[in-house]
Full PDB file with SEQRES, HELIX, SHEET, SSBOND, CRYST1, ORIGX, SCALE, CONECT and MASTER records, all heavy atoms in Angstrom:
SEQRES   1 A   40  VAL PRO TYR THR GLY PRO ILE TYR GLY GLY LEU LYS LEU          
SEQRES   2 A   40  GLY MET SER LEU PHE ILE GLN GLY THR VAL LEU ASN GLY          
SEQRES   3 A   40  ALA THR ARG PHE ALA ILE ASN LEU GLN THR GLY LEU VAL          
SEQRES   4 A   40  GLY                                                          
CRYST1    1.000    1.000    1.000  90.00  90.00  90.00 P 1           1          
ORIGX1      1.000000  0.000000  0.000000        0.00000                         
ORIGX2      0.000000  1.000000  0.000000        0.00000                         
ORIGX3      0.000000  0.000000  1.000000        0.00000                         
SCALE1      1.000000  0.000000  0.000000        0.00000                         
SCALE2      0.000000  1.000000  0.000000        0.00000                         
SCALE3      0.000000  0.000000  1.000000        0.00000                         
ATOM      1  N   VAL A   1      -3.381  -5.243  -4.627  1.00  0.00           N  
ATOM      2  CA  VAL A   1      -2.717  -4.073  -5.115  1.00  0.00           C  
ATOM      3  C   VAL A   1      -3.584  -2.819  -4.777  1.00  0.00           C  
ATOM      4  O   VAL A   1      -4.747  -2.911  -5.028  1.00  0.00           O  
ATOM      5  CB  VAL A   1      -2.475  -4.130  -6.664  1.00  0.00           C  
ATOM      6  CG1 VAL A   1      -1.850  -2.875  -7.153  1.00  0.00           C  
ATOM      7  CG2 VAL A   1      -1.618  -5.361  -6.965  1.00  0.00           C  
ATOM      8  N   PRO A   2      -3.095  -1.761  -4.201  1.00  0.00           N  
ATOM      9  CA  PRO A   2      -1.653  -1.571  -3.921  1.00  0.00           C  
ATOM     10  C   PRO A   2      -1.181  -2.366  -2.726  1.00  0.00           C  
ATOM     11  O   PRO A   2      -1.942  -2.538  -1.714  1.00  0.00           O  
ATOM     12  CB  PRO A   2      -1.543  -0.100  -3.688  1.00  0.00           C  
ATOM     13  CG  PRO A   2      -2.874   0.351  -3.121  1.00  0.00           C  
ATOM     14  CD  PRO A   2      -3.846  -0.601  -3.861  1.00  0.00           C  
ATOM     15  N   TYR A   3      -0.007  -2.915  -2.797  1.00  0.00           N  
ATOM     16  CA  TYR A   3       0.574  -3.626  -1.738  1.00  0.00           C  
ATOM     17  C   TYR A   3       1.615  -2.851  -1.007  1.00  0.00           C  
ATOM     18  O   TYR A   3       2.445  -2.150  -1.589  1.00  0.00           O  
ATOM     19  CB  TYR A   3       1.271  -4.934  -2.349  1.00  0.00           C  
ATOM     20  CG  TYR A   3       2.084  -5.656  -1.307  1.00  0.00           C  
ATOM     21  CD1 TYR A   3       1.453  -6.518  -0.389  1.00  0.00           C  
ATOM     22  CD2 TYR A   3       3.466  -5.555  -1.231  1.00  0.00           C  
ATOM     23  CE1 TYR A   3       2.148  -7.218   0.595  1.00  0.00           C  
ATOM     24  CE2 TYR A   3       4.201  -6.225  -0.287  1.00  0.00           C  
ATOM     25  CZ  TYR A   3       3.546  -7.033   0.601  1.00  0.00           C  
ATOM     26  OH  TYR A   3       4.269  -7.706   1.577  1.00  0.00           O  
ATOM     27  N   THR A   4       1.591  -2.897   0.289  1.00  0.00           N  
ATOM     28  CA  THR A   4       2.607  -2.361   1.173  1.00  0.00           C  
ATOM     29  C   THR A   4       3.008  -3.415   2.189  1.00  0.00           C  
ATOM     30  O   THR A   4       2.134  -3.991   2.841  1.00  0.00           O  
ATOM     31  CB  THR A   4       2.066  -1.161   1.919  1.00  0.00           C  
ATOM     32  OG1 THR A   4       1.635  -0.142   1.014  1.00  0.00           O  
ATOM     33  CG2 THR A   4       3.142  -0.497   2.844  1.00  0.00           C  
ATOM     34  N   GLY A   5       4.265  -3.679   2.280  1.00  0.00           N  
ATOM     35  CA  GLY A   5       4.707  -4.712   3.208  1.00  0.00           C  
ATOM     36  C   GLY A   5       6.221  -4.503   3.551  1.00  0.00           C  
ATOM     37  O   GLY A   5       6.909  -3.883   2.756  1.00  0.00           O  
ATOM     38  N   PRO A   6       6.628  -5.142   4.612  1.00  0.00           N  
ATOM     39  CA  PRO A   6       8.035  -4.959   5.051  1.00  0.00           C  
ATOM     40  C   PRO A   6       9.008  -5.885   4.262  1.00  0.00           C  
ATOM     41  O   PRO A   6       8.607  -6.919   3.693  1.00  0.00           O  
ATOM     42  CB  PRO A   6       7.975  -5.410   6.540  1.00  0.00           C  
ATOM     43  CG  PRO A   6       6.899  -6.415   6.529  1.00  0.00           C  
ATOM     44  CD  PRO A   6       5.859  -5.964   5.511  1.00  0.00           C  
ATOM     45  N   ILE A   7      10.215  -5.507   4.277  1.00  0.00           N  
ATOM     46  CA  ILE A   7      11.321  -6.375   3.885  1.00  0.00           C  
ATOM     47  C   ILE A   7      11.981  -6.729   5.218  1.00  0.00           C  
ATOM     48  O   ILE A   7      12.654  -5.950   5.841  1.00  0.00           O  
ATOM     49  CB  ILE A   7      12.336  -5.619   2.980  1.00  0.00           C  
ATOM     50  CG1 ILE A   7      11.608  -5.202   1.637  1.00  0.00           C  
ATOM     51  CG2 ILE A   7      13.559  -6.549   2.696  1.00  0.00           C  
ATOM     52  CD1 ILE A   7      12.466  -4.385   0.771  1.00  0.00           C  
ATOM     53  N   TYR A   8      11.625  -7.938   5.672  1.00  0.00           N  
ATOM     54  CA  TYR A   8      12.114  -8.356   6.986  1.00  0.00           C  
ATOM     55  C   TYR A   8      13.625  -8.318   7.112  1.00  0.00           C  
ATOM     56  O   TYR A   8      14.316  -8.849   6.264  1.00  0.00           O  
ATOM     57  CB  TYR A   8      11.554  -9.740   7.358  1.00  0.00           C  
ATOM     58  CG  TYR A   8      10.015  -9.693   7.436  1.00  0.00           C  
ATOM     59  CD1 TYR A   8       9.290 -10.203   6.422  1.00  0.00           C  
ATOM     60  CD2 TYR A   8       9.421  -9.185   8.577  1.00  0.00           C  
ATOM     61  CE1 TYR A   8       7.887 -10.133   6.461  1.00  0.00           C  
ATOM     62  CE2 TYR A   8       8.010  -9.142   8.615  1.00  0.00           C  
ATOM     63  CZ  TYR A   8       7.263  -9.604   7.576  1.00  0.00           C  
ATOM     64  OH  TYR A   8       5.915  -9.597   7.592  1.00  0.00           O  
ATOM     65  N   GLY A   9      14.107  -7.635   8.141  1.00  0.00           N  
ATOM     66  CA  GLY A   9      15.580  -7.476   8.332  1.00  0.00           C  
ATOM     67  C   GLY A   9      16.215  -6.349   7.604  1.00  0.00           C  
ATOM     68  O   GLY A   9      17.349  -6.086   7.661  1.00  0.00           O  
ATOM     69  N   GLY A  10      15.324  -5.649   6.780  1.00  0.00           N  
ATOM     70  CA  GLY A  10      15.788  -4.477   6.005  1.00  0.00           C  
ATOM     71  C   GLY A  10      16.561  -4.938   4.732  1.00  0.00           C  
ATOM     72  O   GLY A  10      16.955  -6.081   4.566  1.00  0.00           O  
ATOM     73  N   LEU A  11      16.761  -3.974   3.933  1.00  0.00           N  
ATOM     74  CA  LEU A  11      17.492  -4.148   2.691  1.00  0.00           C  
ATOM     75  C   LEU A  11      19.031  -4.063   2.892  1.00  0.00           C  
ATOM     76  O   LEU A  11      19.475  -3.276   3.761  1.00  0.00           O  
ATOM     77  CB  LEU A  11      17.089  -3.086   1.695  1.00  0.00           C  
ATOM     78  CG  LEU A  11      17.112  -3.368   0.202  1.00  0.00           C  
ATOM     79  CD1 LEU A  11      16.391  -4.620  -0.154  1.00  0.00           C  
ATOM     80  CD2 LEU A  11      16.603  -2.233  -0.592  1.00  0.00           C  
ATOM     81  N   LYS A  12      19.764  -4.877   2.218  1.00  0.00           N  
ATOM     82  CA  LYS A  12      21.207  -4.915   2.381  1.00  0.00           C  
ATOM     83  C   LYS A  12      21.872  -5.126   1.007  1.00  0.00           C  
ATOM     84  O   LYS A  12      21.274  -5.589   0.103  1.00  0.00           O  
ATOM     85  CB  LYS A  12      21.633  -6.033   3.301  1.00  0.00           C  
ATOM     86  CG  LYS A  12      21.130  -5.965   4.718  1.00  0.00           C  
ATOM     87  CD  LYS A  12      21.448  -7.158   5.551  1.00  0.00           C  
ATOM     88  CE  LYS A  12      20.914  -7.103   6.919  1.00  0.00           C  
ATOM     89  NZ  LYS A  12      19.514  -6.965   7.104  1.00  0.00           N  
ATOM     90  N   LEU A  13      23.163  -4.724   0.925  1.00  0.00           N  
ATOM     91  CA  LEU A  13      23.900  -4.949  -0.303  1.00  0.00           C  
ATOM     92  C   LEU A  13      23.847  -6.443  -0.655  1.00  0.00           C  
ATOM     93  O   LEU A  13      23.951  -7.262   0.225  1.00  0.00           O  
ATOM     94  CB  LEU A  13      25.371  -4.486  -0.142  1.00  0.00           C  
ATOM     95  CG  LEU A  13      25.581  -2.988  -0.027  1.00  0.00           C  
ATOM     96  CD1 LEU A  13      27.075  -2.682   0.163  1.00  0.00           C  
ATOM     97  CD2 LEU A  13      25.092  -2.288  -1.254  1.00  0.00           C  
ATOM     98  N   GLY A  14      23.697  -6.710  -1.880  1.00  0.00           N  
ATOM     99  CA  GLY A  14      23.725  -8.095  -2.387  1.00  0.00           C  
ATOM    100  C   GLY A  14      22.301  -8.668  -2.441  1.00  0.00           C  
ATOM    101  O   GLY A  14      22.101  -9.711  -3.097  1.00  0.00           O  
ATOM    102  N   MET A  15      21.350  -8.008  -1.842  1.00  0.00           N  
ATOM    103  CA  MET A  15      19.938  -8.508  -1.878  1.00  0.00           C  
ATOM    104  C   MET A  15      19.350  -8.120  -3.222  1.00  0.00           C  
ATOM    105  O   MET A  15      19.785  -7.179  -3.876  1.00  0.00           O  
ATOM    106  CB  MET A  15      19.133  -7.986  -0.711  1.00  0.00           C  
ATOM    107  CG  MET A  15      19.508  -8.530   0.628  1.00  0.00           C  
ATOM    108  SD  MET A  15      18.583  -7.813   1.962  1.00  0.00           S  
ATOM    109  CE  MET A  15      17.003  -8.548   1.737  1.00  0.00           C  
ATOM    110  N   SER A  16      18.268  -8.797  -3.585  1.00  0.00           N  
ATOM    111  CA  SER A  16      17.496  -8.413  -4.716  1.00  0.00           C  
ATOM    112  C   SER A  16      16.015  -8.576  -4.490  1.00  0.00           C  
ATOM    113  O   SER A  16      15.560  -9.246  -3.569  1.00  0.00           O  
ATOM    114  CB  SER A  16      17.936  -9.268  -5.952  1.00  0.00           C  
ATOM    115  OG  SER A  16      17.652 -10.624  -5.718  1.00  0.00           O  
ATOM    116  N   LEU A  17      15.230  -7.828  -5.261  1.00  0.00           N  
ATOM    117  CA  LEU A  17      13.824  -7.890  -5.159  1.00  0.00           C  
ATOM    118  C   LEU A  17      13.284  -8.243  -6.593  1.00  0.00           C  
ATOM    119  O   LEU A  17      13.642  -7.516  -7.580  1.00  0.00           O  
ATOM    120  CB  LEU A  17      13.296  -6.463  -4.753  1.00  0.00           C  
ATOM    121  CG  LEU A  17      11.776  -6.215  -4.712  1.00  0.00           C  
ATOM    122  CD1 LEU A  17      11.170  -7.130  -3.635  1.00  0.00           C  
ATOM    123  CD2 LEU A  17      11.496  -4.785  -4.367  1.00  0.00           C  
ATOM    124  N   PHE A  18      12.485  -9.265  -6.686  1.00  0.00           N  
ATOM    125  CA  PHE A  18      12.026  -9.757  -7.935  1.00  0.00           C  
ATOM    126  C   PHE A  18      10.540  -9.561  -8.022  1.00  0.00           C  
ATOM    127  O   PHE A  18       9.793  -9.939  -7.104  1.00  0.00           O  
ATOM    128  CB  PHE A  18      12.390 -11.266  -8.140  1.00  0.00           C  
ATOM    129  CG  PHE A  18      11.835 -11.902  -9.392  1.00  0.00           C  
ATOM    130  CD1 PHE A  18      12.381 -11.560 -10.620  1.00  0.00           C  
ATOM    131  CD2 PHE A  18      10.773 -12.777  -9.316  1.00  0.00           C  
ATOM    132  CE1 PHE A  18      11.874 -12.188 -11.762  1.00  0.00           C  
ATOM    133  CE2 PHE A  18      10.280 -13.384 -10.478  1.00  0.00           C  
ATOM    134  CZ  PHE A  18      10.860 -13.071 -11.679  1.00  0.00           C  
ATOM    135  N   ILE A  19      10.040  -8.948  -9.098  1.00  0.00           N  
ATOM    136  CA  ILE A  19       8.620  -8.675  -9.208  1.00  0.00           C  
ATOM    137  C   ILE A  19       8.202  -9.122 -10.655  1.00  0.00           C  
ATOM    138  O   ILE A  19       8.769  -8.826 -11.650  1.00  0.00           O  
ATOM    139  CB  ILE A  19       8.307  -7.163  -9.101  1.00  0.00           C  
ATOM    140  CG1 ILE A  19       8.721  -6.702  -7.688  1.00  0.00           C  
ATOM    141  CG2 ILE A  19       6.838  -6.868  -9.395  1.00  0.00           C  
ATOM    142  CD1 ILE A  19       8.677  -5.216  -7.453  1.00  0.00           C  
ATOM    143  N   GLN A  20       7.104  -9.905 -10.660  1.00  0.00           N  
ATOM    144  CA  GLN A  20       6.475 -10.265 -11.940  1.00  0.00           C  
ATOM    145  C   GLN A  20       5.116  -9.581 -12.015  1.00  0.00           C  
ATOM    146  O   GLN A  20       4.360  -9.530 -10.975  1.00  0.00           O  
ATOM    147  CB  GLN A  20       6.182 -11.732 -11.985  1.00  0.00           C  
ATOM    148  CG  GLN A  20       7.499 -12.598 -12.197  1.00  0.00           C  
ATOM    149  CD  GLN A  20       7.153 -14.059 -12.250  1.00  0.00           C  
ATOM    150  OE1 GLN A  20       6.699 -14.664 -11.315  1.00  0.00           O  
ATOM    151  NE2 GLN A  20       7.359 -14.675 -13.434  1.00  0.00           N  
ATOM    152  N   GLY A  21       4.728  -9.105 -13.136  1.00  0.00           N  
ATOM    153  CA  GLY A  21       3.453  -8.442 -13.260  1.00  0.00           C  
ATOM    154  C   GLY A  21       3.028  -8.320 -14.699  1.00  0.00           C  
ATOM    155  O   GLY A  21       3.743  -8.712 -15.617  1.00  0.00           O  
ATOM    156  N   THR A  22       1.900  -7.655 -14.875  1.00  0.00           N  
ATOM    157  CA  THR A  22       1.362  -7.460 -16.229  1.00  0.00           C  
ATOM    158  C   THR A  22       0.823  -5.996 -16.199  1.00  0.00           C  
ATOM    159  O   THR A  22       0.151  -5.617 -15.274  1.00  0.00           O  
ATOM    160  CB  THR A  22       0.211  -8.415 -16.571  1.00  0.00           C  
ATOM    161  OG1 THR A  22       0.662  -9.733 -16.471  1.00  0.00           O  
ATOM    162  CG2 THR A  22      -0.371  -8.140 -17.974  1.00  0.00           C  
ATOM    163  N   VAL A  23       1.183  -5.233 -17.288  1.00  0.00           N  
ATOM    164  CA  VAL A  23       0.624  -3.911 -17.435  1.00  0.00           C  
ATOM    165  C   VAL A  23      -0.801  -4.031 -17.937  1.00  0.00           C  
ATOM    166  O   VAL A  23      -1.082  -4.694 -18.980  1.00  0.00           O  
ATOM    167  CB  VAL A  23       1.425  -3.122 -18.451  1.00  0.00           C  
ATOM    168  CG1 VAL A  23       0.819  -1.735 -18.691  1.00  0.00           C  
ATOM    169  CG2 VAL A  23       2.882  -2.975 -18.045  1.00  0.00           C  
ATOM    170  N   LEU A  24      -1.732  -3.568 -17.171  1.00  0.00           N  
ATOM    171  CA  LEU A  24      -3.173  -3.681 -17.564  1.00  0.00           C  
ATOM    172  C   LEU A  24      -3.453  -2.827 -18.792  1.00  0.00           C  
ATOM    173  O   LEU A  24      -2.865  -1.758 -18.948  1.00  0.00           O  
ATOM    174  CB  LEU A  24      -4.062  -3.176 -16.418  1.00  0.00           C  
ATOM    175  CG  LEU A  24      -3.982  -4.044 -15.114  1.00  0.00           C  
ATOM    176  CD1 LEU A  24      -4.857  -3.476 -14.040  1.00  0.00           C  
ATOM    177  CD2 LEU A  24      -4.353  -5.466 -15.353  1.00  0.00           C  
ATOM    178  N   ASN A  25      -4.268  -3.359 -19.664  1.00  0.00           N  
ATOM    179  CA  ASN A  25      -4.692  -2.560 -20.820  1.00  0.00           C  
ATOM    180  C   ASN A  25      -5.291  -1.245 -20.421  1.00  0.00           C  
ATOM    181  O   ASN A  25      -6.182  -1.262 -19.505  1.00  0.00           O  
ATOM    182  CB  ASN A  25      -5.661  -3.357 -21.726  1.00  0.00           C  
ATOM    183  CG  ASN A  25      -4.982  -4.457 -22.483  1.00  0.00           C  
ATOM    184  OD1 ASN A  25      -3.910  -4.262 -23.048  1.00  0.00           O  
ATOM    185  ND2 ASN A  25      -5.572  -5.617 -22.564  1.00  0.00           N  
ATOM    186  N   GLY A  26      -4.849  -0.193 -20.947  1.00  0.00           N  
ATOM    187  CA  GLY A  26      -5.397   1.149 -20.637  1.00  0.00           C  
ATOM    188  C   GLY A  26      -4.800   1.797 -19.385  1.00  0.00           C  
ATOM    189  O   GLY A  26      -5.227   2.898 -18.997  1.00  0.00           O  
ATOM    190  N   ALA A  27      -3.827   1.125 -18.780  1.00  0.00           N  
ATOM    191  CA  ALA A  27      -3.157   1.701 -17.584  1.00  0.00           C  
ATOM    192  C   ALA A  27      -2.478   2.997 -17.967  1.00  0.00           C  
ATOM    193  O   ALA A  27      -1.918   3.147 -19.090  1.00  0.00           O  
ATOM    194  CB  ALA A  27      -2.169   0.738 -16.995  1.00  0.00           C  
ATOM    195  N   THR A  28      -2.468   3.953 -17.043  1.00  0.00           N  
ATOM    196  CA  THR A  28      -1.734   5.163 -17.294  1.00  0.00           C  
ATOM    197  C   THR A  28      -0.374   5.200 -16.644  1.00  0.00           C  
ATOM    198  O   THR A  28       0.597   5.821 -17.125  1.00  0.00           O  
ATOM    199  CB  THR A  28      -2.506   6.395 -16.781  1.00  0.00           C  
ATOM    200  OG1 THR A  28      -2.778   6.246 -15.402  1.00  0.00           O  
ATOM    201  CG2 THR A  28      -3.813   6.583 -17.569  1.00  0.00           C  
ATOM    202  N   ARG A  29      -0.234   4.364 -15.583  1.00  0.00           N  
ATOM    203  CA  ARG A  29       1.090   4.295 -14.882  1.00  0.00           C  
ATOM    204  C   ARG A  29       1.016   3.213 -13.768  1.00  0.00           C  
ATOM    205  O   ARG A  29      -0.117   2.775 -13.377  1.00  0.00           O  
ATOM    206  CB  ARG A  29       1.474   5.585 -14.280  1.00  0.00           C  
ATOM    207  CG  ARG A  29       0.561   6.144 -13.208  1.00  0.00           C  
ATOM    208  CD  ARG A  29       0.976   7.432 -12.607  1.00  0.00           C  
ATOM    209  NE  ARG A  29       0.984   8.478 -13.618  1.00  0.00           N  
ATOM    210  CZ  ARG A  29       1.634   9.608 -13.485  1.00  0.00           C  
ATOM    211  NH1 ARG A  29       2.224   9.910 -12.325  1.00  0.00           N  
ATOM    212  NH2 ARG A  29       1.604  10.547 -14.400  1.00  0.00           N  
ATOM    213  N   PHE A  30       2.148   2.848 -13.244  1.00  0.00           N  
ATOM    214  CA  PHE A  30       2.209   2.076 -12.032  1.00  0.00           C  
ATOM    215  C   PHE A  30       3.517   2.508 -11.333  1.00  0.00           C  
ATOM    216  O   PHE A  30       4.356   3.139 -11.978  1.00  0.00           O  
ATOM    217  CB  PHE A  30       2.097   0.597 -12.217  1.00  0.00           C  
ATOM    218  CG  PHE A  30       3.287  -0.100 -12.878  1.00  0.00           C  
ATOM    219  CD1 PHE A  30       4.339  -0.575 -12.107  1.00  0.00           C  
ATOM    220  CD2 PHE A  30       3.301  -0.333 -14.241  1.00  0.00           C  
ATOM    221  CE1 PHE A  30       5.407  -1.228 -12.728  1.00  0.00           C  
ATOM    222  CE2 PHE A  30       4.336  -0.974 -14.856  1.00  0.00           C  
ATOM    223  CZ  PHE A  30       5.372  -1.383 -14.081  1.00  0.00           C  
ATOM    224  N   ALA A  31       3.629   2.186 -10.071  1.00  0.00           N  
ATOM    225  CA  ALA A  31       4.856   2.577  -9.320  1.00  0.00           C  
ATOM    226  C   ALA A  31       5.246   1.572  -8.342  1.00  0.00           C  
ATOM    227  O   ALA A  31       4.403   0.814  -7.783  1.00  0.00           O  
ATOM    228  CB  ALA A  31       4.641   3.908  -8.594  1.00  0.00           C  
ATOM    229  N   ILE A  32       6.554   1.420  -8.131  1.00  0.00           N  
ATOM    230  CA  ILE A  32       7.126   0.597  -7.081  1.00  0.00           C  
ATOM    231  C   ILE A  32       7.956   1.551  -6.241  1.00  0.00           C  
ATOM    232  O   ILE A  32       8.846   2.222  -6.798  1.00  0.00           O  
ATOM    233  CB  ILE A  32       7.929  -0.520  -7.705  1.00  0.00           C  
ATOM    234  CG1 ILE A  32       7.041  -1.465  -8.452  1.00  0.00           C  
ATOM    235  CG2 ILE A  32       8.670  -1.308  -6.565  1.00  0.00           C  
ATOM    236  CD1 ILE A  32       7.726  -2.425  -9.386  1.00  0.00           C  
ATOM    237  N   ASN A  33       7.712   1.578  -4.908  1.00  0.00           N  
ATOM    238  CA  ASN A  33       8.486   2.428  -4.022  1.00  0.00           C  
ATOM    239  C   ASN A  33       9.238   1.591  -3.011  1.00  0.00           C  
ATOM    240  O   ASN A  33       8.592   0.758  -2.294  1.00  0.00           O  
ATOM    241  CB  ASN A  33       7.598   3.413  -3.286  1.00  0.00           C  
ATOM    242  CG  ASN A  33       6.984   4.436  -4.203  1.00  0.00           C  
ATOM    243  OD1 ASN A  33       7.644   4.939  -5.102  1.00  0.00           O  
ATOM    244  ND2 ASN A  33       5.679   4.706  -4.053  1.00  0.00           N  
ATOM    245  N   LEU A  34      10.505   1.762  -2.914  1.00  0.00           N  
ATOM    246  CA  LEU A  34      11.278   1.232  -1.830  1.00  0.00           C  
ATOM    247  C   LEU A  34      11.419   2.352  -0.811  1.00  0.00           C  
ATOM    248  O   LEU A  34      12.100   3.328  -1.078  1.00  0.00           O  
ATOM    249  CB  LEU A  34      12.648   0.733  -2.315  1.00  0.00           C  
ATOM    250  CG  LEU A  34      12.635  -0.341  -3.393  1.00  0.00           C  
ATOM    251  CD1 LEU A  34      14.018  -0.782  -3.792  1.00  0.00           C  
ATOM    252  CD2 LEU A  34      11.800  -1.579  -2.921  1.00  0.00           C  
ATOM    253  N   GLN A  35      10.759   2.158   0.364  1.00  0.00           N  
ATOM    254  CA  GLN A  35      10.723   3.280   1.294  1.00  0.00           C  
ATOM    255  C   GLN A  35      11.245   2.894   2.669  1.00  0.00           C  
ATOM    256  O   GLN A  35      11.500   1.750   2.968  1.00  0.00           O  
ATOM    257  CB  GLN A  35       9.267   3.772   1.339  1.00  0.00           C  
ATOM    258  CG  GLN A  35       8.252   2.769   1.612  1.00  0.00           C  
ATOM    259  CD  GLN A  35       6.810   3.197   1.397  1.00  0.00           C  
ATOM    260  OE1 GLN A  35       6.568   3.845   0.393  1.00  0.00           O  
ATOM    261  NE2 GLN A  35       5.940   2.946   2.310  1.00  0.00           N  
ATOM    262  N   THR A  36      11.353   3.934   3.531  1.00  0.00           N  
ATOM    263  CA  THR A  36      11.974   3.759   4.827  1.00  0.00           C  
ATOM    264  C   THR A  36      10.974   3.360   5.962  1.00  0.00           C  
ATOM    265  O   THR A  36      11.412   3.219   7.060  1.00  0.00           O  
ATOM    266  CB  THR A  36      12.697   5.063   5.236  1.00  0.00           C  
ATOM    267  OG1 THR A  36      11.721   6.111   5.303  1.00  0.00           O  
ATOM    268  CG2 THR A  36      13.829   5.419   4.313  1.00  0.00           C  
ATOM    269  N   GLY A  37       9.761   3.174   5.618  1.00  0.00           N  
ATOM    270  CA  GLY A  37       8.762   2.797   6.599  1.00  0.00           C  
ATOM    271  C   GLY A  37       7.450   2.445   5.963  1.00  0.00           C  
ATOM    272  O   GLY A  37       7.252   2.576   4.741  1.00  0.00           O  
ATOM    273  N   LEU A  38       6.468   2.042   6.783  1.00  0.00           N  
ATOM    274  CA  LEU A  38       5.176   1.630   6.287  1.00  0.00           C  
ATOM    275  C   LEU A  38       4.044   2.565   6.649  1.00  0.00           C  
ATOM    276  O   LEU A  38       2.941   2.483   6.152  1.00  0.00           O  
ATOM    277  CB  LEU A  38       4.814   0.198   6.814  1.00  0.00           C  
ATOM    278  CG  LEU A  38       5.762  -0.893   6.330  1.00  0.00           C  
ATOM    279  CD1 LEU A  38       5.345  -2.217   7.012  1.00  0.00           C  
ATOM    280  CD2 LEU A  38       5.716  -1.064   4.890  1.00  0.00           C  
ATOM    281  N   VAL A  39       4.298   3.507   7.610  1.00  0.00           N  
ATOM    282  CA  VAL A  39       3.205   4.394   8.050  1.00  0.00           C  
ATOM    283  C   VAL A  39       3.681   5.850   7.912  1.00  0.00           C  
ATOM    284  O   VAL A  39       4.845   6.148   7.763  1.00  0.00           O  
ATOM    285  CB  VAL A  39       2.819   4.101   9.530  1.00  0.00           C  
ATOM    286  CG1 VAL A  39       2.200   2.721   9.686  1.00  0.00           C  
ATOM    287  CG2 VAL A  39       4.074   4.209  10.474  1.00  0.00           C  
ATOM    288  N   GLY A  40       2.683   6.742   7.958  1.00  0.00           N  
ATOM    289  CA  GLY A  40       2.994   8.127   7.859  1.00  0.00           C  
ATOM    290  C   GLY A  40       3.476   8.508   6.468  1.00  0.00           C  
ATOM    291  O   GLY A  40       3.023   7.945   5.473  1.00  0.00           O  
TER     292      GLY A  40                                                      
MASTER        0    0    0    0    0    0    0    6  291    1    0    4          
END                                                                             
């Protein structure tokens, strides 16, 4: 973490993304971004 990686074949209707995690004690925030690319 932080993790950046592709969704091979791109995102499509009907697909889902499953994430398991734990909020660290004392954390102020975390974020998940579904974005249009990996660079820039």
